[in-house]
């Protein structure tokens, strides 16, 4: 999610190729008193997670792939996101996101903090959404996801 920092390309995933459930939501990024809103789709897979970030009205898409074997990759790449990725353990962030998404299916509330310098909290709301609050390098991201079967 921290990887929302740069959106410069028009690329898209073929959503028809994902048979399992996915999650859609909205996030707000605050950096240097500037706000940006993003749409997010997350495709949880057994060996990884694909996060697709879209800036409404501009049509730009950022694809983040968290692969348990290969690590984290971003398309398109950016210098800012590479610095953040260099310190993130991809297995830890995969487990964290999957734990947060799992809170959607159960009544449990899942909270995580300080993952490789990224402060992240997630919880389940009363209206069946997974809420996120993320902080990294004086960037604040909050938002929600809900399942889309």
N, C-alpha and C. Protein backbone atom coordinates (compact mmCIF):
# COMPACT_ATOMS: atom_id res chain seq x y z
N UNK A 1 0.80 -1.18 0.00
CA UNK A 1 0.00 0.00 0.00
C UNK A 1 0.86 1.25 0.00
N UNK A 2 1.96 1.18 0.67
CA UNK A 2 2.87 2.31 0.68
C UNK A 2 3.31 2.60 -0.74
N UNK A 3 3.13 1.67 -1.59
CA UNK A 3 3.61 1.77 -2.94
C UNK A 3 2.71 2.64 -3.80
N UNK A 4 1.85 3.40 -3.18
CA UNK A 4 0.95 4.28 -3.89
C UNK A 4 1.62 5.58 -4.34
N UNK A 5 2.90 5.69 -4.19
CA UNK A 5 3.58 6.97 -4.34
C UNK A 5 3.69 7.49 -5.76
N UNK A 6 3.71 6.63 -6.75
CA UNK A 6 3.88 7.17 -8.10
C UNK A 6 3.02 6.40 -9.08
N UNK A 7 2.27 7.12 -9.86
CA UNK A 7 1.39 6.54 -10.86
C UNK A 7 1.68 7.21 -12.20
N UNK A 8 2.22 6.46 -13.13
CA UNK A 8 2.60 7.11 -14.37
C UNK A 8 2.26 6.33 -15.63
N UNK A 9 1.63 5.17 -15.51
CA UNK A 9 1.45 4.37 -16.71
C UNK A 9 0.02 3.89 -16.83
N UNK A 10 -0.37 3.54 -18.02
CA UNK A 10 -1.69 2.96 -18.23
C UNK A 10 -1.50 1.48 -18.51
N UNK A 11 -1.62 0.67 -17.49
CA UNK A 11 -1.53 -0.78 -17.62
C UNK A 11 -2.68 -1.37 -16.84
N UNK A 12 -3.09 -2.55 -17.18
CA UNK A 12 -4.22 -3.14 -16.49
C UNK A 12 -4.08 -4.64 -16.44
N UNK A 13 -4.69 -5.23 -15.42
CA UNK A 13 -4.73 -6.67 -15.30
C UNK A 13 -6.02 -7.19 -15.89
N UNK A 14 -5.99 -8.37 -16.41
CA UNK A 14 -7.20 -9.00 -16.90
C UNK A 14 -7.93 -9.62 -15.72
N UNK A 15 -8.95 -8.94 -15.23
CA UNK A 15 -9.66 -9.40 -14.04
C UNK A 15 -10.37 -10.73 -14.26
N UNK A 16 -10.67 -11.08 -15.48
CA UNK A 16 -11.34 -12.34 -15.77
C UNK A 16 -10.45 -13.54 -15.46
N UNK A 17 -9.14 -13.34 -15.41
CA UNK A 17 -8.23 -14.46 -15.15
C UNK A 17 -8.17 -14.81 -13.67
N UNK A 18 -8.79 -14.04 -12.79
CA UNK A 18 -8.80 -14.30 -11.37
C UNK A 18 -10.16 -14.86 -10.97
N UNK A 19 -10.21 -16.15 -10.66
CA UNK A 19 -11.47 -16.81 -10.34
C UNK A 19 -11.85 -16.62 -8.88
N UNK A 20 -10.89 -16.47 -8.00
CA UNK A 20 -11.16 -16.34 -6.58
C UNK A 20 -11.63 -14.93 -6.25
N UNK A 21 -12.00 -14.74 -4.99
CA UNK A 21 -12.47 -13.42 -4.59
C UNK A 21 -11.33 -12.41 -4.63
N UNK A 22 -11.70 -11.17 -4.79
CA UNK A 22 -10.73 -10.09 -4.71
C UNK A 22 -11.36 -9.00 -3.87
N UNK A 23 -10.58 -7.98 -3.57
CA UNK A 23 -11.02 -6.91 -2.69
C UNK A 23 -10.90 -5.59 -3.42
N UNK A 24 -11.90 -4.74 -3.27
CA UNK A 24 -11.87 -3.42 -3.88
C UNK A 24 -12.04 -2.39 -2.78
N UNK A 25 -11.49 -1.21 -3.00
CA UNK A 25 -11.62 -0.18 -1.99
C UNK A 25 -11.09 1.16 -2.43
N UNK A 26 -11.13 2.07 -1.49
CA UNK A 26 -10.67 3.45 -1.70
C UNK A 26 -9.66 3.79 -0.61
N UNK A 27 -8.63 4.51 -1.00
CA UNK A 27 -7.61 4.95 -0.05
C UNK A 27 -7.32 6.43 -0.25
N UNK A 28 -6.90 7.06 0.82
CA UNK A 28 -6.51 8.46 0.81
C UNK A 28 -5.05 8.53 1.25
N UNK A 29 -4.22 9.23 0.48
CA UNK A 29 -2.81 9.41 0.79
C UNK A 29 -2.59 10.87 1.14
N UNK A 30 -1.93 11.11 2.27
CA UNK A 30 -1.60 12.48 2.69
C UNK A 30 -0.07 12.58 2.77
N UNK A 31 0.48 13.53 2.03
CA UNK A 31 1.91 13.77 2.03
C UNK A 31 2.14 15.26 1.85
N UNK A 32 2.89 15.87 2.77
CA UNK A 32 3.18 17.30 2.72
C UNK A 32 1.92 18.14 2.55
N UNK A 33 0.91 17.85 3.34
CA UNK A 33 -0.38 18.56 3.33
C UNK A 33 -1.13 18.44 2.00
N UNK A 34 -0.76 17.51 1.15
CA UNK A 34 -1.48 17.23 -0.09
C UNK A 34 -2.23 15.92 0.05
N UNK A 35 -3.48 15.91 -0.40
CA UNK A 35 -4.31 14.71 -0.37
C UNK A 35 -4.47 14.15 -1.77
N UNK A 36 -4.46 12.82 -1.88
CA UNK A 36 -4.75 12.13 -3.13
C UNK A 36 -5.63 10.94 -2.81
N UNK A 37 -6.62 10.71 -3.65
CA UNK A 37 -7.50 9.56 -3.48
C UNK A 37 -7.20 8.53 -4.55
N UNK A 38 -7.28 7.25 -4.16
CA UNK A 38 -6.96 6.15 -5.04
C UNK A 38 -7.99 5.05 -4.91
N UNK A 39 -8.24 4.37 -6.01
CA UNK A 39 -9.01 3.13 -6.00
C UNK A 39 -8.01 1.99 -5.96
N UNK A 40 -8.34 0.93 -5.22
CA UNK A 40 -7.43 -0.20 -5.07
C UNK A 40 -8.19 -1.50 -5.30
N UNK A 41 -7.57 -2.42 -6.01
CA UNK A 41 -8.07 -3.79 -6.14
C UNK A 41 -6.95 -4.71 -5.70
N UNK A 42 -7.26 -5.66 -4.81
CA UNK A 42 -6.26 -6.62 -4.34
C UNK A 42 -6.71 -8.02 -4.73
N UNK A 43 -5.79 -8.75 -5.36
CA UNK A 43 -6.02 -10.13 -5.75
C UNK A 43 -5.13 -11.02 -4.88
N UNK A 44 -5.68 -11.63 -3.82
CA UNK A 44 -4.87 -12.52 -2.99
C UNK A 44 -4.70 -13.88 -3.66
N UNK A 45 -3.48 -14.35 -3.76
CA UNK A 45 -3.16 -15.63 -4.38
C UNK A 45 -2.40 -16.49 -3.38
N UNK A 46 -2.33 -17.79 -3.61
CA UNK A 46 -1.65 -18.67 -2.66
C UNK A 46 -0.15 -18.39 -2.59
N UNK A 47 0.46 -17.93 -3.66
CA UNK A 47 1.90 -17.66 -3.68
C UNK A 47 2.23 -16.19 -3.77
N UNK A 48 1.24 -15.32 -3.60
CA UNK A 48 1.51 -13.90 -3.69
C UNK A 48 0.25 -13.06 -3.63
N UNK A 49 0.44 -11.78 -3.79
CA UNK A 49 -0.66 -10.82 -3.79
C UNK A 49 -0.40 -9.84 -4.93
N UNK A 50 -1.44 -9.53 -5.68
CA UNK A 50 -1.33 -8.48 -6.69
C UNK A 50 -2.20 -7.32 -6.24
N UNK A 51 -1.60 -6.14 -6.17
CA UNK A 51 -2.30 -4.93 -5.77
C UNK A 51 -2.31 -4.00 -6.98
N UNK A 52 -3.49 -3.58 -7.37
CA UNK A 52 -3.64 -2.67 -8.50
C UNK A 52 -4.18 -1.35 -7.96
N UNK A 53 -3.41 -0.28 -8.15
CA UNK A 53 -3.75 1.04 -7.64
C UNK A 53 -4.10 1.93 -8.83
N UNK A 54 -5.25 2.59 -8.74
CA UNK A 54 -5.73 3.40 -9.85
C UNK A 54 -6.05 4.80 -9.35
N UNK A 55 -5.55 5.78 -10.03
CA UNK A 55 -5.86 7.18 -9.72
C UNK A 55 -7.08 7.58 -10.52
N UNK A 56 -8.24 7.78 -9.88
CA UNK A 56 -9.45 8.14 -10.62
C UNK A 56 -9.26 9.39 -11.47
N UNK A 57 -9.93 9.44 -12.57
CA UNK A 57 -9.95 10.54 -13.54
C UNK A 57 -8.70 10.60 -14.41
N UNK A 58 -7.58 10.05 -13.95
CA UNK A 58 -6.37 10.08 -14.74
C UNK A 58 -6.13 8.77 -15.49
N UNK A 59 -6.73 7.67 -15.00
CA UNK A 59 -6.60 6.39 -15.66
C UNK A 59 -5.26 5.70 -15.47
N UNK A 60 -4.41 6.24 -14.63
CA UNK A 60 -3.11 5.63 -14.39
C UNK A 60 -3.24 4.43 -13.46
N UNK A 61 -2.50 3.38 -13.74
CA UNK A 61 -2.55 2.18 -12.92
C UNK A 61 -1.14 1.81 -12.49
N UNK A 62 -1.00 1.46 -11.22
CA UNK A 62 0.25 0.97 -10.68
C UNK A 62 -0.01 -0.46 -10.22
N UNK A 63 0.76 -1.43 -10.72
CA UNK A 63 0.63 -2.82 -10.33
C UNK A 63 1.76 -3.18 -9.38
N UNK A 64 1.40 -3.71 -8.21
CA UNK A 64 2.36 -4.16 -7.22
C UNK A 64 2.18 -5.66 -7.07
N UNK A 65 3.25 -6.42 -7.25
CA UNK A 65 3.20 -7.86 -7.13
C UNK A 65 4.08 -8.28 -5.95
N UNK A 66 3.46 -8.88 -4.94
CA UNK A 66 4.20 -9.41 -3.80
C UNK A 66 4.24 -10.92 -3.99
N UNK A 67 5.37 -11.42 -4.44
CA UNK A 67 5.53 -12.84 -4.74
C UNK A 67 6.38 -13.47 -3.63
N UNK A 68 5.91 -14.57 -3.06
CA UNK A 68 6.63 -15.20 -1.96
C UNK A 68 8.03 -15.68 -2.36
N UNK A 69 8.22 -16.03 -3.61
CA UNK A 69 9.51 -16.53 -4.06
C UNK A 69 10.40 -15.44 -4.65
N UNK A 70 9.80 -14.50 -5.37
CA UNK A 70 10.58 -13.51 -6.11
C UNK A 70 10.69 -12.15 -5.43
N UNK A 71 9.89 -11.90 -4.41
CA UNK A 71 9.93 -10.61 -3.74
C UNK A 71 8.85 -9.67 -4.25
N UNK A 72 9.10 -8.37 -4.14
CA UNK A 72 8.13 -7.36 -4.52
C UNK A 72 8.57 -6.68 -5.81
N UNK A 73 7.64 -6.53 -6.74
CA UNK A 73 7.93 -5.80 -7.96
C UNK A 73 6.81 -4.81 -8.23
N UNK A 74 7.17 -3.72 -8.90
CA UNK A 74 6.22 -2.66 -9.22
C UNK A 74 6.31 -2.36 -10.70
N UNK A 75 5.16 -2.16 -11.30
CA UNK A 75 5.12 -1.76 -12.70
C UNK A 75 4.17 -0.59 -12.82
N UNK A 76 4.61 0.57 -13.22
CA UNK A 76 5.97 0.96 -13.55
C UNK A 76 6.81 1.20 -12.29
N UNK A 77 8.12 1.05 -12.43
CA UNK A 77 9.04 1.26 -11.31
C UNK A 77 9.25 2.74 -11.07
N UNK A 78 9.66 3.05 -9.84
CA UNK A 78 9.93 4.43 -9.46
C UNK A 78 11.05 4.46 -8.43
N UNK A 79 11.84 5.48 -8.45
CA UNK A 79 12.94 5.63 -7.48
C UNK A 79 12.40 5.67 -6.06
N UNK A 80 11.31 6.40 -5.83
CA UNK A 80 10.75 6.52 -4.48
C UNK A 80 10.28 5.18 -3.94
N UNK A 81 9.61 4.42 -4.76
CA UNK A 81 9.11 3.14 -4.28
C UNK A 81 10.24 2.13 -4.12
N UNK A 82 11.29 2.22 -4.91
CA UNK A 82 12.42 1.30 -4.77
C UNK A 82 13.08 1.48 -3.40
N UNK A 83 13.20 2.71 -2.90
CA UNK A 83 13.78 2.95 -1.59
C UNK A 83 12.96 2.29 -0.49
N UNK A 84 11.64 2.37 -0.60
CA UNK A 84 10.76 1.75 0.39
C UNK A 84 10.86 0.24 0.29
N UNK A 85 10.86 -0.30 -0.91
CA UNK A 85 10.90 -1.75 -1.09
C UNK A 85 12.20 -2.37 -0.61
N UNK A 86 13.30 -1.63 -0.66
CA UNK A 86 14.60 -2.16 -0.27
C UNK A 86 14.61 -2.61 1.19
N UNK A 87 13.76 -2.03 2.03
CA UNK A 87 13.78 -2.38 3.44
C UNK A 87 12.60 -3.26 3.87
N UNK A 88 11.71 -3.62 2.96
CA UNK A 88 10.52 -4.38 3.30
C UNK A 88 10.76 -5.87 3.06
N UNK A 89 10.47 -6.68 4.07
CA UNK A 89 10.52 -8.13 3.93
C UNK A 89 9.23 -8.57 3.26
N UNK A 90 9.32 -9.10 2.05
CA UNK A 90 8.13 -9.43 1.27
C UNK A 90 7.29 -10.54 1.91
N UNK A 91 7.90 -11.46 2.62
CA UNK A 91 7.14 -12.52 3.29
C UNK A 91 6.33 -11.93 4.43
N UNK A 92 6.92 -11.04 5.20
CA UNK A 92 6.23 -10.40 6.31
C UNK A 92 5.06 -9.55 5.82
N UNK A 93 5.28 -8.77 4.78
CA UNK A 93 4.20 -7.92 4.28
C UNK A 93 3.09 -8.77 3.65
N UNK A 94 3.45 -9.88 3.00
CA UNK A 94 2.44 -10.80 2.45
C UNK A 94 1.57 -11.35 3.58
N UNK A 95 2.21 -11.87 4.63
CA UNK A 95 1.46 -12.43 5.76
C UNK A 95 0.59 -11.37 6.44
N UNK A 96 1.10 -10.17 6.55
CA UNK A 96 0.35 -9.09 7.17
C UNK A 96 -0.90 -8.76 6.37
N UNK A 97 -0.74 -8.57 5.08
CA UNK A 97 -1.90 -8.23 4.24
C UNK A 97 -2.90 -9.38 4.23
N UNK A 98 -2.42 -10.63 4.12
CA UNK A 98 -3.33 -11.77 4.12
C UNK A 98 -4.05 -11.87 5.48
N UNK A 99 -3.37 -11.56 6.57
CA UNK A 99 -4.01 -11.54 7.88
C UNK A 99 -5.10 -10.48 7.96
N UNK A 100 -4.83 -9.33 7.39
CA UNK A 100 -5.83 -8.27 7.36
C UNK A 100 -7.03 -8.68 6.52
N UNK A 101 -6.77 -9.27 5.36
CA UNK A 101 -7.87 -9.71 4.51
C UNK A 101 -8.64 -10.85 5.18
N UNK A 102 -7.95 -11.67 5.94
CA UNK A 102 -8.61 -12.75 6.68
C UNK A 102 -9.53 -12.23 7.76
N UNK A 103 -9.25 -11.05 8.29
CA UNK A 103 -10.12 -10.47 9.31
C UNK A 103 -11.50 -10.16 8.75
N UNK A 104 -11.57 -10.06 7.42
CA UNK A 104 -12.86 -9.82 6.77
C UNK A 104 -13.78 -11.03 6.95
N UNK A 105 -13.20 -12.22 6.92
CA UNK A 105 -13.98 -13.44 6.97
C UNK A 105 -14.33 -13.87 8.40
N UNK A 106 -13.62 -13.38 9.36
CA UNK A 106 -13.87 -13.78 10.74
C UNK A 106 -14.29 -12.57 11.55
N UNK A 107 -14.64 -12.80 12.76
CA UNK A 107 -15.03 -11.68 13.63
C UNK A 107 -13.84 -11.09 14.35
N UNK A 108 -12.65 -11.57 14.05
CA UNK A 108 -11.47 -11.10 14.77
C UNK A 108 -11.00 -9.76 14.23
N UNK A 109 -10.36 -9.03 15.08
CA UNK A 109 -9.74 -7.77 14.68
C UNK A 109 -8.24 -7.99 14.64
N UNK A 110 -7.62 -7.65 13.54
CA UNK A 110 -6.19 -7.87 13.36
C UNK A 110 -5.49 -6.53 13.35
N UNK A 111 -4.44 -6.40 14.13
CA UNK A 111 -3.68 -5.15 14.15
C UNK A 111 -2.20 -5.48 14.07
N UNK A 112 -1.49 -4.75 13.25
CA UNK A 112 -0.05 -4.90 13.14
C UNK A 112 0.58 -3.52 13.21
N UNK A 113 1.74 -3.44 13.78
CA UNK A 113 2.45 -2.17 13.79
C UNK A 113 3.92 -2.39 13.51
N UNK A 114 4.54 -1.40 12.94
CA UNK A 114 5.97 -1.33 12.71
C UNK A 114 6.55 -2.55 11.99
N UNK A 115 6.14 -2.72 10.75
CA UNK A 115 6.66 -3.78 9.89
C UNK A 115 7.75 -3.16 9.02
N UNK A 116 9.00 -3.45 9.33
CA UNK A 116 10.12 -2.91 8.58
C UNK A 116 10.04 -1.39 8.42
N UNK A 117 9.65 -0.69 9.48
CA UNK A 117 9.55 0.76 9.45
C UNK A 117 8.22 1.27 8.95
N UNK A 118 7.33 0.38 8.58
CA UNK A 118 6.00 0.77 8.12
C UNK A 118 5.02 0.50 9.26
N UNK A 119 4.37 1.54 9.73
CA UNK A 119 3.36 1.37 10.78
C UNK A 119 2.02 1.10 10.11
N UNK A 120 1.44 -0.06 10.40
CA UNK A 120 0.21 -0.44 9.74
C UNK A 120 -0.76 -1.05 10.74
N UNK A 121 -2.01 -0.60 10.67
CA UNK A 121 -3.08 -1.15 11.49
C UNK A 121 -4.23 -1.50 10.57
N UNK A 122 -4.82 -2.65 10.81
CA UNK A 122 -6.01 -3.00 10.06
C UNK A 122 -7.04 -3.58 11.03
N UNK A 123 -8.29 -3.37 10.70
CA UNK A 123 -9.38 -3.87 11.53
C UNK A 123 -10.61 -4.07 10.68
N UNK A 124 -11.56 -4.76 11.21
CA UNK A 124 -12.81 -5.04 10.50
C UNK A 124 -13.89 -4.11 11.02
N UNK A 125 -14.58 -3.44 10.11
CA UNK A 125 -15.63 -2.51 10.52
C UNK A 125 -16.95 -3.25 10.68
N UNK A 126 -17.92 -2.59 11.25
CA UNK A 126 -19.24 -3.18 11.45
C UNK A 126 -19.95 -3.44 10.13
N UNK A 127 -19.63 -2.68 9.10
CA UNK A 127 -20.29 -2.89 7.80
C UNK A 127 -19.45 -3.74 6.86
N UNK A 128 -18.67 -4.68 7.44
CA UNK A 128 -17.95 -5.70 6.69
C UNK A 128 -16.83 -5.17 5.80
N UNK A 129 -16.18 -4.11 6.18
CA UNK A 129 -15.03 -3.60 5.45
C UNK A 129 -13.77 -3.84 6.28
N UNK A 130 -12.64 -3.97 5.60
CA UNK A 130 -11.35 -4.02 6.27
C UNK A 130 -10.77 -2.62 6.20
N UNK A 131 -10.53 -2.03 7.36
CA UNK A 131 -10.01 -0.66 7.44
C UNK A 131 -8.50 -0.69 7.61
N UNK A 132 -7.81 0.21 6.93
CA UNK A 132 -6.35 0.29 7.00
C UNK A 132 -5.91 1.69 7.40
N UNK A 133 -4.89 1.77 8.24
CA UNK A 133 -4.16 3.00 8.54
C UNK A 133 -2.69 2.66 8.41
N UNK A 134 -1.99 3.38 7.54
CA UNK A 134 -0.58 3.10 7.25
C UNK A 134 0.21 4.39 7.34
N UNK A 135 1.41 4.29 7.93
CA UNK A 135 2.32 5.44 7.99
C UNK A 135 3.72 4.98 7.64
N UNK A 136 4.36 5.70 6.72
CA UNK A 136 5.75 5.45 6.38
C UNK A 136 6.37 6.75 5.88
N UNK A 137 7.54 7.10 6.39
CA UNK A 137 8.28 8.28 5.93
C UNK A 137 7.41 9.53 5.84
N UNK A 138 6.64 9.82 6.87
CA UNK A 138 5.75 10.98 6.92
C UNK A 138 4.69 10.99 5.82
N UNK A 139 4.33 9.82 5.37
CA UNK A 139 3.23 9.63 4.43
C UNK A 139 2.17 8.84 5.17
N UNK A 140 0.93 9.30 5.08
CA UNK A 140 -0.17 8.67 5.79
C UNK A 140 -1.20 8.18 4.78
N UNK A 141 -1.58 6.92 4.92
CA UNK A 141 -2.54 6.31 4.02
C UNK A 141 -3.63 5.68 4.86
N UNK A 142 -4.88 5.98 4.54
CA UNK A 142 -5.98 5.28 5.20
C UNK A 142 -7.04 4.97 4.18
N UNK A 143 -7.81 3.93 4.48
CA UNK A 143 -8.85 3.54 3.55
C UNK A 143 -9.51 2.25 3.94
N UNK A 144 -10.26 1.69 3.00
CA UNK A 144 -11.00 0.47 3.28
C UNK A 144 -11.01 -0.43 2.06
N UNK A 145 -11.23 -1.70 2.32
CA UNK A 145 -11.43 -2.71 1.27
C UNK A 145 -12.68 -3.51 1.62
N UNK A 146 -13.38 -3.95 0.60
CA UNK A 146 -14.47 -4.90 0.80
C UNK A 146 -14.35 -5.97 -0.26
N UNK A 147 -14.89 -7.14 0.04
CA UNK A 147 -14.76 -8.25 -0.88
C UNK A 147 -15.66 -8.07 -2.10
N UNK A 148 -15.15 -8.57 -3.20
CA UNK A 148 -15.92 -8.57 -4.45
C UNK A 148 -15.76 -9.96 -5.03
N UNK A 149 -16.82 -10.74 -4.99
CA UNK A 149 -16.75 -12.13 -5.48
C UNK A 149 -16.90 -12.18 -6.98
